[in-house]
Amino acid sequence: MSGSQYATRDLKGYGAAVPKIRWPGGARIAVSFVLNFEEGAELSVLDGDERNEPVYEVVDEVAGKPDLCMTSHYEYGPRAGFRRILDLLASFDVPVTVSACARAAERAPELISEAVSRGHEISCHGYRWESHAHMDAAHEAAVIARTFEVLKDVAGTAPVGWHTRSAASVNTRRLLCEHGGFLYDSDAYNDDLPYVVTQEAGHHVVLPYSFDTNDMRFSPGGGFVFGADFTRYCADAFDWLWAEGETTPKMMSVGLHQRIIGRPGRIAGLEALLTHMSQRGDVWFATRAEIAHAWRGFMGLPAWRASGATTAKAAS
């Protein structure tokens, strides 16, 4: 393959030139908890989708027919896990970014409203819980517009963040910038700090996400068996970044799912992690929007303003 095909990749990052800044309050590390709100947006024959989406704990799939067992596994999140997680976060006064699929939000608008009333951020996680990698640009633009409009209506405030399920397309970031309503996206896994990319539509913040400090590792073969496994791994990552934060800023993302860490046998692992982080001190617990706004300021960019969302026809 020609080397020119890799021209857009950046394997250097900040290198030795990491910005010498401090997070608000002089914190060494910014910690972003993300609660993925996907239940009700997963693929389901009951909803007319092409197949049934498996859950992490169950790998057997019913093909071509509704799978009521699988559906009920997903229902656990909004029925029981959601408030358990938010109540725990509230006890530590920690905000969370609720990364919501719009179809899930349509089905449980009262939960989105509750998250907003508690002071949490609502960001976009696609309309359905699906990859965008194979979408053509016109269809993807319509999906982005539909997701934005639905979440704005349900939450009562416009979202400013985006994260595609696992695989964005080569057009996603450009389309987000052209849309005009997005401050940042999290479609990257390549750094411990935010960074700014320049698109034709302007400057755009990228907040890298993480699959390792993430409760999805409770899946078969993922390495987590008990809540203590989650605590130990995430605490080790936090401690290392916190130590590095003495001289250079660091950011840590922790991915949560209602149906996973919201289980009573796992939630204590999150409680122990929050206790560990809080006792360490010099931590800025922030939403992703707060971090993205701060980073623009650190980079000398003007305060971000939505430029007016496009009105691409909603995808069916």
Protein backbone atom coordinates (compact mmCIF):
# COMPACT_ATOMS: atom_id res chain seq x y z
CA MET A 1 0.00 0.00 0.00
CA SER A 2 1.13 3.51 -0.71
CA GLY A 3 2.26 5.54 2.26
CA SER A 4 0.06 8.38 1.06
CA GLN A 5 -2.97 6.43 2.25
CA TYR A 6 -1.82 7.07 5.82
CA ALA A 7 -1.24 10.80 5.39
CA THR A 8 -4.12 11.75 7.69
CA ARG A 9 -2.86 9.63 10.61
CA ASP A 10 -1.05 11.38 13.44
CA LEU A 11 1.18 9.04 15.41
CA LYS A 12 3.06 11.86 17.14
CA GLY A 13 0.34 13.72 19.01
CA TYR A 14 1.72 16.33 21.39
CA GLY A 15 5.04 14.51 21.65
CA ALA A 16 7.26 16.34 24.13
CA ALA A 17 5.26 19.55 23.68
CA VAL A 18 2.38 18.78 26.03
CA PRO A 19 0.59 22.02 26.94
CA LYS A 20 1.63 23.32 30.36
CA ILE A 21 -1.76 24.07 31.82
CA ARG A 22 -3.68 23.28 34.97
CA TRP A 23 -7.27 22.18 35.11
CA PRO A 24 -9.73 24.32 37.09
CA GLY A 25 -8.89 24.43 40.78
CA GLY A 26 -5.31 23.41 40.02
CA ALA A 27 -6.35 19.79 39.50
CA ARG A 28 -3.82 17.34 38.12
CA ILE A 29 -6.39 15.29 36.22
CA ALA A 30 -9.80 15.76 34.65
CA VAL A 31 -12.03 12.72 35.08
CA SER A 32 -14.97 12.23 32.72
CA PHE A 33 -17.59 9.62 33.55
CA VAL A 34 -19.72 8.65 30.56
CA LEU A 35 -23.01 6.81 31.01
CA ASN A 36 -23.99 5.15 27.74
CA PHE A 37 -27.75 5.29 27.22
CA GLU A 38 -28.31 2.65 24.53
CA GLU A 39 -31.10 0.41 25.77
CA GLY A 40 -34.05 0.63 23.40
CA ALA A 41 -31.82 1.62 20.49
CA GLU A 42 -30.18 -1.78 20.08
CA LEU A 43 -31.08 -3.87 17.06
CA SER A 44 -34.25 -5.87 17.64
CA VAL A 45 -36.52 -7.83 15.31
CA LEU A 46 -39.36 -6.59 17.52
CA ASP A 47 -38.58 -3.08 16.27
CA GLY A 48 -38.39 -4.14 12.64
CA ASP A 49 -34.58 -4.26 12.62
CA GLU A 50 -32.65 -6.80 10.62
CA ARG A 51 -31.49 -8.84 13.63
CA ASN A 52 -31.32 -9.02 17.41
CA GLU A 53 -28.43 -7.40 19.26
CA PRO A 54 -26.74 -9.68 21.81
CA VAL A 55 -25.81 -8.43 25.28
CA TYR A 56 -22.41 -8.87 26.86
CA GLU A 57 -23.54 -11.61 29.22
CA VAL A 58 -25.48 -13.58 26.57
CA VAL A 59 -23.89 -14.58 23.29
CA ASP A 60 -26.55 -16.91 21.88
CA GLU A 61 -28.68 -15.12 19.30
CA VAL A 62 -32.16 -15.95 18.05
CA ALA A 63 -32.03 -15.41 14.30
CA GLY A 64 -34.95 -14.04 12.34
CA LYS A 65 -37.43 -14.01 15.22
CA PRO A 66 -38.10 -11.71 18.20
CA ASP A 67 -35.90 -12.57 21.17
CA LEU A 68 -37.84 -11.69 24.32
CA CYS A 69 -35.08 -12.98 26.58
CA MET A 70 -32.49 -10.71 24.99
CA THR A 71 -34.89 -7.77 25.00
CA SER A 72 -35.48 -8.13 28.73
CA HIS A 73 -31.74 -8.05 29.40
CA TYR A 74 -31.59 -4.62 27.78
CA GLU A 75 -34.65 -3.45 29.70
CA TYR A 76 -32.80 -3.90 33.00
CA GLY A 77 -30.76 -0.76 32.38
CA PRO A 78 -33.50 1.88 32.24
CA ARG A 79 -35.75 0.00 34.69
CA ALA A 80 -33.20 -0.52 37.49
CA GLY A 81 -29.62 0.42 36.61
CA PHE A 82 -30.04 4.05 35.56
CA ARG A 83 -31.17 5.55 38.85
CA ARG A 84 -28.86 3.31 40.86
CA ILE A 85 -25.91 4.80 38.99
CA LEU A 86 -27.14 8.40 39.15
CA ASP A 87 -27.89 8.12 42.86
CA LEU A 88 -24.37 6.86 43.52
CA LEU A 89 -22.78 9.63 41.44
CA ALA A 90 -24.90 12.19 43.30
CA SER A 91 -23.58 10.96 46.63
CA PHE A 92 -20.09 11.97 45.46
CA ASP A 93 -21.30 15.14 43.68
CA VAL A 94 -19.86 13.83 40.41
CA PRO A 95 -21.40 14.88 37.07
CA VAL A 96 -21.73 12.50 34.16
CA THR A 97 -22.10 12.82 30.41
CA VAL A 98 -25.10 10.74 29.35
CA SER A 99 -24.16 9.56 25.86
CA ALA A 100 -27.62 8.87 24.50
CA CYS A 101 -28.92 7.12 21.44
CA ALA A 102 -31.87 9.18 20.25
CA ARG A 103 -34.18 6.19 19.79
CA ALA A 104 -33.50 5.16 23.39
CA ALA A 105 -34.20 8.71 24.57
CA GLU A 106 -37.51 8.76 22.70
CA ARG A 107 -38.55 5.64 24.59
CA ALA A 108 -37.52 6.84 28.03
CA PRO A 109 -37.75 10.64 27.92
CA GLU A 110 -38.41 10.85 31.64
CA LEU A 111 -34.94 9.44 32.35
CA ILE A 112 -33.28 11.99 30.10
CA SER A 113 -35.28 14.76 31.80
CA GLU A 114 -34.18 13.44 35.19
CA ALA A 115 -30.53 13.46 34.15
CA VAL A 116 -30.85 17.06 32.96
CA SER A 117 -32.58 18.10 36.21
CA ARG A 118 -29.67 16.60 38.14
CA GLY A 119 -27.21 18.75 36.20
CA HIS A 120 -25.76 16.13 33.86
CA GLU A 121 -24.82 16.57 30.21
CA ILE A 122 -26.75 14.86 27.40
CA SER A 123 -24.64 14.09 24.33
CA CYS A 124 -25.29 12.20 21.10
CA HIS A 125 -24.56 8.50 20.60
CA GLY A 126 -26.28 8.12 17.24
CA TYR A 127 -29.95 7.53 16.49
CA ARG A 128 -29.73 3.76 16.69
CA TRP A 129 -26.88 2.02 18.50
CA GLU A 130 -24.94 1.32 15.32
CA SER A 131 -21.69 1.84 13.49
CA HIS A 132 -21.49 4.57 10.87
CA ALA A 133 -18.49 3.10 9.06
CA HIS A 134 -20.37 2.01 5.95
CA MET A 135 -22.85 4.89 5.70
CA ASP A 136 -22.70 7.16 2.68
CA ALA A 137 -22.23 10.83 3.52
CA ALA A 138 -25.77 11.99 2.72
CA HIS A 139 -27.40 9.30 4.85
CA GLU A 140 -24.98 9.89 7.71
CA ALA A 141 -25.62 13.64 7.64
CA ALA A 142 -29.34 12.94 7.96
CA VAL A 143 -28.75 10.53 10.88
CA ILE A 144 -26.62 13.14 12.66
CA ALA A 145 -29.28 15.81 12.13
CA ARG A 146 -32.07 13.52 13.33
CA THR A 147 -30.13 12.50 16.43
CA PHE A 148 -29.40 16.12 17.28
CA GLU A 149 -33.00 17.25 16.87
CA VAL A 150 -34.51 14.37 18.85
CA LEU A 151 -32.15 14.83 21.80
CA LYS A 152 -32.62 18.60 21.75
CA ASP A 153 -36.39 18.09 21.96
CA VAL A 154 -36.25 15.39 24.64
CA ALA A 155 -33.61 17.06 26.82
CA GLY A 156 -34.88 20.60 26.33
CA THR A 157 -31.37 21.78 25.47
CA ALA A 158 -29.18 21.20 22.43
CA PRO A 159 -26.45 18.56 22.75
CA VAL A 160 -22.91 19.63 21.90
CA GLY A 161 -21.08 16.28 21.89
CA TRP A 162 -21.03 13.19 19.70
CA HIS A 163 -19.72 9.62 19.98
CA THR A 164 -20.32 6.98 17.32
CA ARG A 165 -20.68 3.37 18.35
CA SER A 166 -17.15 2.03 17.83
CA ALA A 167 -16.69 2.88 14.17
CA ALA A 168 -17.22 6.33 12.73
CA SER A 169 -17.03 6.80 8.98
CA VAL A 170 -14.34 8.77 7.16
CA ASN A 171 -16.91 11.58 6.90
CA THR A 172 -18.27 11.70 10.45
CA ARG A 173 -16.07 14.44 11.90
CA ARG A 174 -16.44 16.66 8.85
CA LEU A 175 -20.22 16.22 8.93
CA LEU A 176 -20.35 17.08 12.62
CA CYS A 177 -18.46 20.29 11.95
CA GLU A 178 -20.62 21.16 8.96
CA HIS A 179 -23.74 20.54 11.03
CA GLY A 180 -22.70 23.43 13.25
CA GLY A 181 -24.09 22.19 16.55
CA PHE A 182 -21.17 20.15 17.86
CA LEU A 183 -18.38 21.40 20.10
CA TYR A 184 -16.62 18.05 20.31
CA ASP A 185 -16.66 14.38 19.42
CA SER A 186 -15.21 11.33 21.17
CA ASP A 187 -14.57 9.21 18.08
CA ALA A 188 -10.93 8.61 19.00
CA TYR A 189 -9.03 6.41 21.44
CA ASN A 190 -5.54 7.74 20.84
CA ASP A 191 -4.52 10.02 23.72
CA ASP A 192 -4.86 10.92 27.39
CA LEU A 193 -5.63 14.53 26.51
CA PRO A 194 -8.08 16.41 24.30
CA TYR A 195 -6.81 17.95 21.11
CA VAL A 196 -8.08 20.34 18.47
CA VAL A 197 -8.47 19.53 14.80
CA THR A 198 -9.07 22.07 12.06
CA GLN A 199 -11.85 21.46 9.57
CA GLU A 200 -13.11 23.74 6.83
CA ALA A 201 -15.99 24.62 9.13
CA GLY A 202 -13.62 25.65 11.93
CA HIS A 203 -11.83 24.31 15.00
CA HIS A 204 -13.22 21.17 16.60
CA VAL A 205 -12.27 19.50 19.91
CA VAL A 206 -11.64 15.75 20.09
CA LEU A 207 -11.99 14.14 23.52
CA PRO A 208 -10.53 10.63 23.25
CA TYR A 209 -12.63 7.89 24.82
CA SER A 210 -11.47 4.61 26.36
CA PHE A 211 -12.46 0.98 25.99
CA ASP A 212 -10.18 -0.28 28.76
CA THR A 213 -11.34 1.88 31.70
CA ASN A 214 -14.83 0.80 30.79
CA ASP A 215 -17.37 -1.56 32.34
CA MET A 216 -17.84 -3.24 28.95
CA ARG A 217 -14.91 -5.40 30.01
CA PHE A 218 -17.36 -7.43 32.08
CA SER A 219 -18.18 -9.09 28.75
CA PRO A 220 -17.02 -12.70 28.22
CA GLY A 221 -13.25 -12.62 27.83
CA GLY A 222 -13.10 -8.96 28.84
CA GLY A 223 -11.11 -9.52 32.02
CA PHE A 224 -13.53 -8.19 34.65
CA VAL A 225 -15.36 -10.76 36.75
CA PHE A 226 -16.11 -8.88 39.97
CA GLY A 227 -16.71 -5.24 40.83
CA ALA A 228 -13.32 -5.25 42.52
CA ASP A 229 -11.70 -6.01 39.15
CA PHE A 230 -13.25 -2.86 37.72
CA THR A 231 -12.07 -0.82 40.70
CA ARG A 232 -8.54 -2.16 40.66
CA TYR A 233 -7.96 -1.64 36.95
CA CYS A 234 -9.50 1.83 36.78
CA ALA A 235 -7.80 2.91 40.01
CA ASP A 236 -4.42 1.80 38.65
CA ALA A 237 -5.00 3.87 35.50
CA PHE A 238 -6.13 6.83 37.57
CA ASP A 239 -3.14 6.67 39.93
CA TRP A 240 -0.67 6.61 37.05
CA LEU A 241 -2.27 9.52 35.27
CA TRP A 242 -2.60 11.42 38.56
CA ALA A 243 1.14 11.03 39.18
CA GLU A 244 1.96 12.24 35.65
CA GLY A 245 -0.41 15.13 36.26
CA GLU A 246 2.08 16.70 38.66
CA THR A 247 3.95 18.07 35.64
CA THR A 248 1.57 17.72 32.68
CA PRO A 249 -2.24 17.73 32.55
CA LYS A 250 -4.08 14.43 32.09
CA MET A 251 -7.61 13.33 31.31
CA MET A 252 -9.28 10.02 32.11
CA SER A 253 -12.52 8.69 30.65
CA VAL A 254 -14.53 6.01 32.45
CA GLY A 255 -17.23 4.31 30.37
CA LEU A 256 -20.37 3.08 32.15
CA HIS A 257 -23.48 1.24 30.96
CA GLN A 258 -26.82 1.08 32.77
CA ARG A 259 -27.23 -2.64 32.14
CA ILE A 260 -23.66 -3.50 33.18
CA ILE A 261 -22.28 -1.51 36.14
CA GLY A 262 -25.87 -0.84 37.22
CA ARG A 263 -26.19 -4.43 38.42
CA PRO A 264 -26.20 -4.84 42.23
CA GLY A 265 -23.24 -7.23 42.08
CA ARG A 266 -21.10 -4.66 40.23
CA ILE A 267 -22.12 -1.21 41.45
CA ALA A 268 -19.91 -1.46 44.54
CA GLY A 269 -16.94 -1.45 42.19
CA LEU A 270 -17.95 2.01 40.98
CA GLU A 271 -18.50 3.19 44.56
CA ALA A 272 -15.00 2.05 45.52
CA LEU A 273 -13.50 3.80 42.48
CA LEU A 274 -15.28 7.06 43.28
CA THR A 275 -14.07 6.81 46.88
CA HIS A 276 -10.49 6.23 45.76
CA MET A 277 -10.50 9.15 43.34
CA SER A 278 -12.16 11.53 45.77
CA GLN A 279 -9.75 10.72 48.58
CA ARG A 280 -6.76 11.27 46.32
CA GLY A 281 -7.76 14.88 45.66
CA ASP A 282 -6.58 17.32 42.98
CA VAL A 283 -9.23 15.91 40.64
CA TRP A 284 -11.63 17.81 38.42
CA PHE A 285 -14.75 15.73 37.87
CA ALA A 286 -16.31 17.26 34.78
CA THR A 287 -18.65 16.63 31.91
CA ARG A 288 -17.14 16.25 28.49
CA ALA A 289 -18.64 19.55 27.40
CA GLU A 290 -16.93 21.31 30.32
CA ILE A 291 -13.60 19.74 29.40
CA ALA A 292 -13.97 20.64 25.71
CA HIS A 293 -14.83 24.27 26.53
CA ALA A 294 -11.85 24.48 28.87
CA TRP A 295 -9.51 23.01 26.29
CA ARG A 296 -10.52 25.54 23.66
CA GLY A 297 -9.61 28.24 26.15
CA PHE A 298 -6.25 26.63 26.90
CA MET A 299 -5.51 26.54 23.17
CA GLY A 300 -6.25 30.24 22.83
CA LEU A 301 -9.42 29.73 20.80
CA PRO A 302 -12.47 31.95 21.23
CA ALA A 303 -15.43 30.71 23.23
CA TRP A 304 -17.43 28.21 21.18
CA ARG A 305 -20.85 29.08 19.86
CA ALA A 306 -23.13 26.81 17.86
CA SER A 307 -23.16 28.10 14.31
CA GLY A 308 -26.73 26.99 13.63
CA ALA A 309 -27.53 23.34 13.00
CA THR A 310 -28.25 22.27 9.48
CA THR A 311 -31.69 21.01 8.62
CA ALA A 312 -30.79 17.85 6.76
CA LYS A 313 -33.84 15.66 6.24
CA ALA A 314 -34.17 13.15 9.04
CA ALA A 315 -33.23 9.60 8.14
CA SER A 316 -36.04 7.13 8.30
